[in-house]
Each structure stands twice: as C-alpha cells, then as structure tokens.
Amino acid sequence: MIRLHHVSFLTKNIFAMKNFYSNIFNAKIAHKFINKSNKQVYGYFLYLSKGTFIEIIKSERQTSYKKLHSLNHFCVLASKYKFNIIYKKIKKTKNLKSEKKRGKTDRSMNFSFYDPDKNLCEVHLDDDFTILKKYNKNI
C-alpha cells in the first residue's frame, strides 16, 4: 500500500509551527531531531493519526509557497467530528483562508487555512458525497 506519510516544512520558527500544528490537529510529538553536539532541538515529527505525520525542520534557508512556490498546499482528511473541531480552532486563530465549501468537481466538503509560515493547508471531510469516498477508508 502506498500512501502519504508526511509533509515536511522548513521554517525559522520551529516552536511556533510545532505549537500551531499540535494545537490545531492535537498532534503528538513522535520524534525530536536533536543536534548531538549542542543538544539543541532542530525539528519534530508530529503524529496526526494512522501513520500520517508533519515534519518540521529548522532552517535559515526557509522556503514557503509564497517565496519559491515549492508547496502549493497539503491536505488532511478528517471525520465529521474532527473536521468541525479543527474548523472551530482555526476560526479562533483568524488564519482561515476559505470557509467550508463543497468542491465543484470532487464534491469534497473542505476549508483551508494558513499556518504561521503562510503555508496553505486544506482539510477535507470524509463523507458520502465526495467522489473520493471509496479511497477514504479507515481514517
């Protein structure tokens, strides 16, 4: 089986990014990247669920969609319960890019938001109306 394992971000703000994604997705720290010579944390693997992670690595050479167009967006699939919880959390942060809406062609209910580095994230609802339903098993 081949599936998305993780999305990796380079950032100057690893703690802001870690705190943001930990809060929004209730992500748990699965691994810390620690420099052996100075014992400094320079990255995290944040566990979302079912083998899906967000990797955050500190870099002075930060890239983002706005600067290099290297990342269009990433997307997570959520149950109805999680979808609504994440939406409410994002509304409070004022980082919402688009309100809940149904996609024109894939019929996926979704919304999108920006993280602290202005990377774009979409959240799709796992429901019976999306044409991708047969692929969204076991979220």
N, C-alpha and C. Protein backbone atom coordinates (compact mmCIF):
# COMPACT_ATOMS: atom_id res chain seq x y z
N MET A 1 0.84 -1.17 0.00
CA MET A 1 0.00 0.00 0.00
C MET A 1 0.89 1.25 0.00
N ILE A 2 0.63 2.20 -0.86
CA ILE A 2 1.36 3.45 -0.90
C ILE A 2 0.40 4.54 -0.47
N ARG A 3 0.85 5.37 0.46
CA ARG A 3 0.02 6.46 0.94
C ARG A 3 0.89 7.60 1.42
N LEU A 4 0.30 8.73 1.57
CA LEU A 4 1.04 9.87 2.08
C LEU A 4 1.52 9.58 3.49
N HIS A 5 2.80 9.78 3.75
CA HIS A 5 3.36 9.53 5.07
C HIS A 5 3.53 10.81 5.86
N HIS A 6 4.14 11.81 5.24
CA HIS A 6 4.30 13.09 5.92
C HIS A 6 4.50 14.23 4.94
N VAL A 7 4.30 15.44 5.45
CA VAL A 7 4.61 16.67 4.74
C VAL A 7 5.70 17.33 5.56
N SER A 8 6.72 17.86 4.89
CA SER A 8 7.86 18.44 5.58
C SER A 8 7.95 19.94 5.31
N PHE A 9 8.13 20.71 6.37
CA PHE A 9 8.29 22.15 6.27
C PHE A 9 9.66 22.55 6.77
N LEU A 10 10.31 23.45 6.05
CA LEU A 10 11.48 24.13 6.55
C LEU A 10 10.99 25.45 7.14
N THR A 11 11.48 25.81 8.32
CA THR A 11 10.99 27.01 8.98
C THR A 11 12.06 27.62 9.87
N LYS A 12 11.96 28.90 10.05
CA LYS A 12 12.79 29.59 11.04
C LYS A 12 12.14 29.52 12.41
N ASN A 13 10.87 29.14 12.45
CA ASN A 13 10.06 29.18 13.67
C ASN A 13 9.57 27.79 14.08
N ILE A 14 10.48 26.89 14.44
CA ILE A 14 10.04 25.52 14.70
C ILE A 14 9.09 25.43 15.89
N PHE A 15 9.28 26.26 16.90
CA PHE A 15 8.41 26.17 18.07
C PHE A 15 7.01 26.72 17.77
N ALA A 16 6.93 27.80 16.99
CA ALA A 16 5.62 28.33 16.60
C ALA A 16 4.88 27.32 15.73
N MET A 17 5.60 26.71 14.78
CA MET A 17 4.99 25.71 13.91
C MET A 17 4.57 24.47 14.71
N LYS A 18 5.43 24.00 15.60
CA LYS A 18 5.09 22.83 16.44
C LYS A 18 3.85 23.11 17.27
N ASN A 19 3.83 24.26 17.92
CA ASN A 19 2.68 24.60 18.77
C ASN A 19 1.40 24.76 17.96
N PHE A 20 1.51 25.37 16.79
CA PHE A 20 0.35 25.57 15.93
C PHE A 20 -0.26 24.23 15.52
N TYR A 21 0.54 23.34 14.94
CA TYR A 21 0.00 22.06 14.46
C TYR A 21 -0.38 21.13 15.61
N SER A 22 0.33 21.21 16.71
CA SER A 22 -0.06 20.40 17.88
C SER A 22 -1.44 20.82 18.37
N ASN A 23 -1.68 22.11 18.38
CA ASN A 23 -2.98 22.62 18.84
C ASN A 23 -4.09 22.34 17.84
N ILE A 24 -3.88 22.66 16.58
CA ILE A 24 -4.94 22.52 15.57
C ILE A 24 -5.35 21.07 15.36
N PHE A 25 -4.37 20.17 15.26
CA PHE A 25 -4.67 18.77 14.96
C PHE A 25 -4.51 17.84 16.16
N ASN A 26 -4.26 18.39 17.35
CA ASN A 26 -3.97 17.56 18.52
C ASN A 26 -2.84 16.59 18.22
N ALA A 27 -1.88 17.06 17.45
CA ALA A 27 -0.74 16.22 17.06
C ALA A 27 0.17 15.99 18.26
N LYS A 28 0.74 14.81 18.31
CA LYS A 28 1.67 14.44 19.37
C LYS A 28 3.08 14.39 18.80
N ILE A 29 4.05 14.76 19.62
CA ILE A 29 5.45 14.68 19.19
C ILE A 29 5.84 13.21 19.15
N ALA A 30 6.14 12.72 17.96
CA ALA A 30 6.56 11.33 17.79
C ALA A 30 8.08 11.22 17.83
N HIS A 31 8.76 12.30 17.47
CA HIS A 31 10.22 12.28 17.42
C HIS A 31 10.74 13.72 17.44
N LYS A 32 11.83 13.92 18.18
CA LYS A 32 12.53 15.20 18.16
C LYS A 32 13.85 15.00 17.46
N PHE A 33 14.21 15.90 16.56
CA PHE A 33 15.53 15.90 15.94
C PHE A 33 16.43 16.75 16.84
N ILE A 34 17.46 16.12 17.39
CA ILE A 34 18.34 16.81 18.35
C ILE A 34 19.77 16.77 17.82
N ASN A 35 20.40 17.94 17.78
CA ASN A 35 21.79 18.05 17.37
C ASN A 35 22.66 17.41 18.44
N LYS A 36 23.46 16.41 18.07
CA LYS A 36 24.27 15.67 19.04
C LYS A 36 25.33 16.55 19.70
N SER A 37 25.85 17.53 18.96
CA SER A 37 26.94 18.34 19.51
C SER A 37 26.47 19.38 20.52
N ASN A 38 25.34 20.02 20.26
CA ASN A 38 24.90 21.07 21.20
C ASN A 38 23.57 20.76 21.90
N LYS A 39 23.01 19.59 21.63
CA LYS A 39 21.77 19.11 22.27
C LYS A 39 20.55 19.98 21.98
N GLN A 40 20.62 20.80 20.93
CA GLN A 40 19.51 21.66 20.55
C GLN A 40 18.51 20.91 19.67
N VAL A 41 17.23 21.14 19.91
CA VAL A 41 16.18 20.58 19.06
C VAL A 41 16.14 21.38 17.77
N TYR A 42 16.23 20.67 16.63
CA TYR A 42 16.16 21.37 15.35
C TYR A 42 15.00 20.86 14.48
N GLY A 43 14.15 20.01 15.06
CA GLY A 43 12.99 19.55 14.30
C GLY A 43 12.12 18.59 15.07
N TYR A 44 10.95 18.33 14.47
CA TYR A 44 9.96 17.44 15.07
C TYR A 44 9.27 16.61 14.00
N PHE A 45 8.88 15.40 14.38
CA PHE A 45 7.88 14.64 13.65
C PHE A 45 6.63 14.70 14.52
N LEU A 46 5.56 15.28 14.01
CA LEU A 46 4.29 15.35 14.73
C LEU A 46 3.36 14.29 14.16
N TYR A 47 2.83 13.44 15.04
CA TYR A 47 1.95 12.35 14.64
C TYR A 47 0.51 12.85 14.62
N LEU A 48 -0.14 12.71 13.45
CA LEU A 48 -1.55 13.08 13.33
C LEU A 48 -2.43 11.88 13.66
N SER A 49 -2.32 10.82 12.86
CA SER A 49 -3.01 9.56 13.11
C SER A 49 -2.71 8.60 11.97
N LYS A 50 -2.90 7.33 12.22
CA LYS A 50 -2.80 6.27 11.21
C LYS A 50 -1.59 6.42 10.28
N GLY A 51 -0.42 6.66 10.87
CA GLY A 51 0.81 6.71 10.10
C GLY A 51 1.03 7.98 9.30
N THR A 52 0.34 9.04 9.65
CA THR A 52 0.49 10.31 8.96
C THR A 52 1.15 11.32 9.89
N PHE A 53 2.16 12.03 9.36
CA PHE A 53 2.96 12.94 10.16
C PHE A 53 3.15 14.29 9.47
N ILE A 54 3.49 15.29 10.28
CA ILE A 54 4.01 16.56 9.79
C ILE A 54 5.42 16.67 10.34
N GLU A 55 6.37 16.93 9.44
CA GLU A 55 7.77 17.10 9.83
C GLU A 55 8.10 18.58 9.77
N ILE A 56 8.72 19.08 10.83
CA ILE A 56 9.10 20.49 10.90
C ILE A 56 10.59 20.54 11.19
N ILE A 57 11.35 21.19 10.31
CA ILE A 57 12.81 21.27 10.44
C ILE A 57 13.23 22.74 10.44
N LYS A 58 14.08 23.10 11.40
CA LYS A 58 14.60 24.46 11.47
C LYS A 58 15.61 24.69 10.35
N SER A 59 15.47 25.83 9.69
CA SER A 59 16.38 26.18 8.61
C SER A 59 16.44 27.69 8.46
N GLU A 60 17.62 28.20 8.26
CA GLU A 60 17.76 29.62 7.96
C GLU A 60 17.42 29.88 6.50
N ARG A 61 17.41 28.84 5.69
CA ARG A 61 17.08 28.94 4.27
C ARG A 61 15.63 28.54 4.06
N GLN A 62 14.76 29.17 4.79
CA GLN A 62 13.35 28.82 4.77
C GLN A 62 12.74 28.95 3.39
N THR A 63 11.95 27.96 3.02
CA THR A 63 11.19 28.04 1.79
C THR A 63 9.71 28.04 2.14
N SER A 64 8.93 28.64 1.34
CA SER A 64 7.48 28.57 1.51
C SER A 64 6.84 28.79 0.15
N TYR A 65 5.59 28.52 0.06
CA TYR A 65 4.87 28.71 -1.19
C TYR A 65 4.97 30.16 -1.66
N LYS A 66 4.85 31.09 -0.73
CA LYS A 66 4.87 32.50 -1.09
C LYS A 66 6.22 32.91 -1.68
N LYS A 67 7.32 32.29 -1.24
CA LYS A 67 8.65 32.69 -1.69
C LYS A 67 9.10 31.95 -2.93
N LEU A 68 8.98 30.63 -2.94
CA LEU A 68 9.54 29.83 -4.03
C LEU A 68 8.50 29.01 -4.79
N HIS A 69 7.27 29.07 -4.39
CA HIS A 69 6.22 28.26 -5.00
C HIS A 69 6.58 26.77 -4.96
N SER A 70 7.23 26.36 -3.86
CA SER A 70 7.65 24.97 -3.75
C SER A 70 6.57 24.09 -3.12
N LEU A 71 5.58 24.69 -2.49
CA LEU A 71 4.49 23.93 -1.89
C LEU A 71 3.20 24.64 -2.23
N ASN A 72 2.32 23.95 -2.92
CA ASN A 72 1.02 24.54 -3.21
C ASN A 72 0.17 24.50 -1.95
N HIS A 73 -0.07 23.31 -1.46
CA HIS A 73 -0.78 23.10 -0.20
C HIS A 73 -0.62 21.64 0.19
N PHE A 74 -1.01 21.33 1.40
CA PHE A 74 -1.17 19.94 1.77
C PHE A 74 -2.56 19.79 2.34
N CYS A 75 -3.03 18.57 2.38
CA CYS A 75 -4.41 18.32 2.77
C CYS A 75 -4.48 17.14 3.73
N VAL A 76 -5.33 17.28 4.74
CA VAL A 76 -5.61 16.17 5.64
C VAL A 76 -7.09 15.83 5.51
N LEU A 77 -7.39 14.56 5.70
CA LEU A 77 -8.76 14.06 5.64
C LEU A 77 -9.25 13.87 7.06
N ALA A 78 -10.46 14.33 7.34
CA ALA A 78 -10.97 14.27 8.71
C ALA A 78 -12.38 13.71 8.75
N SER A 79 -12.69 13.04 9.86
CA SER A 79 -14.06 12.61 10.12
C SER A 79 -14.90 13.87 10.39
N LYS A 80 -16.21 13.72 10.40
CA LYS A 80 -17.09 14.88 10.63
C LYS A 80 -16.78 15.53 11.97
N TYR A 81 -16.59 14.73 12.99
CA TYR A 81 -16.30 15.26 14.32
C TYR A 81 -15.01 16.07 14.33
N LYS A 82 -13.93 15.50 13.80
CA LYS A 82 -12.64 16.18 13.77
C LYS A 82 -12.68 17.40 12.85
N PHE A 83 -13.36 17.28 11.72
CA PHE A 83 -13.49 18.38 10.76
C PHE A 83 -14.03 19.63 11.46
N ASN A 84 -15.10 19.45 12.21
CA ASN A 84 -15.73 20.59 12.89
C ASN A 84 -14.87 21.14 14.04
N ILE A 85 -14.19 20.27 14.74
CA ILE A 85 -13.30 20.74 15.82
C ILE A 85 -12.16 21.57 15.24
N ILE A 86 -11.53 21.07 14.19
CA ILE A 86 -10.41 21.79 13.55
C ILE A 86 -10.90 23.12 13.01
N TYR A 87 -12.07 23.12 12.37
CA TYR A 87 -12.63 24.35 11.81
C TYR A 87 -12.82 25.41 12.91
N LYS A 88 -13.39 25.01 14.03
CA LYS A 88 -13.61 25.95 15.13
C LYS A 88 -12.29 26.50 15.67
N LYS A 89 -11.29 25.65 15.79
CA LYS A 89 -9.98 26.10 16.26
C LYS A 89 -9.36 27.11 15.30
N ILE A 90 -9.45 26.82 14.01
CA ILE A 90 -8.88 27.72 13.00
C ILE A 90 -9.62 29.05 12.98
N LYS A 91 -10.94 29.03 13.10
CA LYS A 91 -11.71 30.28 13.13
C LYS A 91 -11.21 31.19 14.25
N LYS A 92 -10.85 30.60 15.39
CA LYS A 92 -10.35 31.39 16.52
C LYS A 92 -8.99 32.01 16.23
N THR A 93 -8.17 31.36 15.41
CA THR A 93 -6.83 31.88 15.12
C THR A 93 -6.85 33.00 14.09
N LYS A 94 -7.95 33.15 13.37
CA LYS A 94 -8.07 34.15 12.30
C LYS A 94 -7.13 33.87 11.13
N ASN A 95 -6.74 32.59 10.95
CA ASN A 95 -5.89 32.18 9.83
C ASN A 95 -6.69 31.52 8.72
N LEU A 96 -8.01 31.54 8.81
CA LEU A 96 -8.87 30.89 7.83
C LEU A 96 -8.72 31.58 6.47
N LYS A 97 -8.48 30.79 5.43
CA LYS A 97 -8.41 31.33 4.07
C LYS A 97 -9.77 31.21 3.38
N SER A 98 -10.38 30.03 3.50
CA SER A 98 -11.69 29.84 2.88
C SER A 98 -12.63 29.13 3.84
N GLU A 99 -13.86 29.57 3.82
CA GLU A 99 -14.91 28.96 4.64
C GLU A 99 -15.21 27.55 4.13
N LYS A 100 -16.00 26.83 4.88
CA LYS A 100 -16.43 25.50 4.45
C LYS A 100 -17.17 25.62 3.12
N LYS A 101 -16.79 24.74 2.19
CA LYS A 101 -17.46 24.72 0.90
C LYS A 101 -17.28 23.34 0.27
N ARG A 102 -18.13 23.02 -0.67
CA ARG A 102 -18.03 21.75 -1.36
C ARG A 102 -17.30 21.97 -2.68
N GLY A 103 -16.30 21.12 -2.97
CA GLY A 103 -15.55 21.23 -4.22
C GLY A 103 -16.44 21.03 -5.43
N LYS A 104 -16.17 21.77 -6.49
CA LYS A 104 -17.02 21.72 -7.69
C LYS A 104 -16.92 20.39 -8.41
N THR A 105 -15.73 19.80 -8.48
CA THR A 105 -15.59 18.56 -9.25
C THR A 105 -15.49 17.31 -8.38
N ASP A 106 -14.77 17.39 -7.26
CA ASP A 106 -14.63 16.19 -6.42
C ASP A 106 -15.71 16.11 -5.34
N ARG A 107 -16.49 17.19 -5.19
CA ARG A 107 -17.60 17.27 -4.23
C ARG A 107 -17.16 17.05 -2.78
N SER A 108 -15.88 17.33 -2.49
CA SER A 108 -15.38 17.20 -1.12
C SER A 108 -15.69 18.47 -0.34
N MET A 109 -16.31 18.32 0.83
CA MET A 109 -16.50 19.45 1.73
C MET A 109 -15.13 19.79 2.29
N ASN A 110 -14.76 21.08 2.26
CA ASN A 110 -13.42 21.45 2.69
C ASN A 110 -13.36 22.90 3.15
N PHE A 111 -12.27 23.24 3.81
CA PHE A 111 -11.90 24.62 4.10
C PHE A 111 -10.38 24.66 4.10
N SER A 112 -9.82 25.87 4.08
CA SER A 112 -8.36 25.99 4.07
C SER A 112 -7.91 27.10 4.99
N PHE A 113 -6.64 27.02 5.41
CA PHE A 113 -6.09 28.00 6.33
C PHE A 113 -4.59 28.09 6.14
N TYR A 114 -4.01 29.14 6.71
CA TYR A 114 -2.56 29.33 6.68
C TYR A 114 -1.96 29.02 8.04
N ASP A 115 -0.77 28.41 8.02
CA ASP A 115 -0.02 28.20 9.25
C ASP A 115 0.83 29.44 9.52
N PRO A 116 1.64 29.47 10.59
CA PRO A 116 2.43 30.66 10.90
C PRO A 116 3.44 31.05 9.82
N ASP A 117 3.87 30.11 8.97
CA ASP A 117 4.79 30.43 7.88
C ASP A 117 4.07 30.70 6.57
N LYS A 118 2.76 30.81 6.62
CA LYS A 118 1.92 31.08 5.45
C LYS A 118 1.86 29.92 4.46
N ASN A 119 2.09 28.69 4.93
CA ASN A 119 1.84 27.51 4.11
C ASN A 119 0.34 27.25 4.14
N LEU A 120 -0.18 26.79 3.03
CA LEU A 120 -1.61 26.57 2.91
C LEU A 120 -1.97 25.11 3.22
N CYS A 121 -2.94 24.93 4.09
CA CYS A 121 -3.43 23.60 4.45
C CYS A 121 -4.92 23.53 4.14
N GLU A 122 -5.33 22.41 3.54
CA GLU A 122 -6.75 22.12 3.33
C GLU A 122 -7.15 20.99 4.27
N VAL A 123 -8.39 21.04 4.72
CA VAL A 123 -8.97 19.94 5.47
C VAL A 123 -10.20 19.48 4.70
N HIS A 124 -10.23 18.20 4.33
CA HIS A 124 -11.37 17.62 3.63
C HIS A 124 -12.17 16.76 4.59
N LEU A 125 -13.48 16.80 4.43
CA LEU A 125 -14.40 15.99 5.23
C LEU A 125 -14.60 14.64 4.56
N ASP A 126 -14.47 13.58 5.34
CA ASP A 126 -14.77 12.24 4.85
C ASP A 126 -16.28 12.03 4.97
N ASP A 127 -17.00 12.21 3.88
CA ASP A 127 -18.44 11.99 3.89
C ASP A 127 -18.88 11.23 2.65
N ASP A 128 -20.16 10.95 2.55
CA ASP A 128 -20.67 10.13 1.45
C ASP A 128 -20.84 10.89 0.15
N PHE A 129 -20.64 12.20 0.13
CA PHE A 129 -20.86 12.99 -1.07
C PHE A 129 -19.61 13.14 -1.93
N THR A 130 -18.43 12.97 -1.34
CA THR A 130 -17.20 13.12 -2.12
C THR A 130 -17.03 11.94 -3.07
N ILE A 131 -16.54 12.21 -4.27
CA ILE A 131 -16.29 11.11 -5.20
C ILE A 131 -15.07 10.29 -4.77
N LEU A 132 -14.32 10.78 -3.79
CA LEU A 132 -13.14 10.06 -3.29
C LEU A 132 -13.47 9.11 -2.14
N LYS A 133 -14.74 8.98 -1.79
CA LYS A 133 -15.16 8.19 -0.63
C LYS A 133 -14.57 6.78 -0.62
N LYS A 134 -14.56 6.12 -1.76
CA LYS A 134 -14.08 4.73 -1.79
C LYS A 134 -12.59 4.64 -1.45
N TYR A 135 -11.86 5.74 -1.57
CA TYR A 135 -10.43 5.74 -1.23
C TYR A 135 -10.17 6.19 0.20
N ASN A 136 -11.17 6.73 0.87
CA ASN A 136 -11.01 7.31 2.20
C ASN A 136 -11.31 6.33 3.33
N LYS A 137 -11.04 5.08 3.12
CA LYS A 137 -11.36 4.07 4.11
C LYS A 137 -10.42 4.17 5.31
N ASN A 138 -10.98 3.89 6.47
CA ASN A 138 -10.21 3.74 7.71
C ASN A 138 -9.45 4.99 8.14
N ILE A 139 -10.11 6.14 8.13
CA ILE A 139 -9.41 7.31 8.67
C ILE A 139 -9.52 7.33 10.17
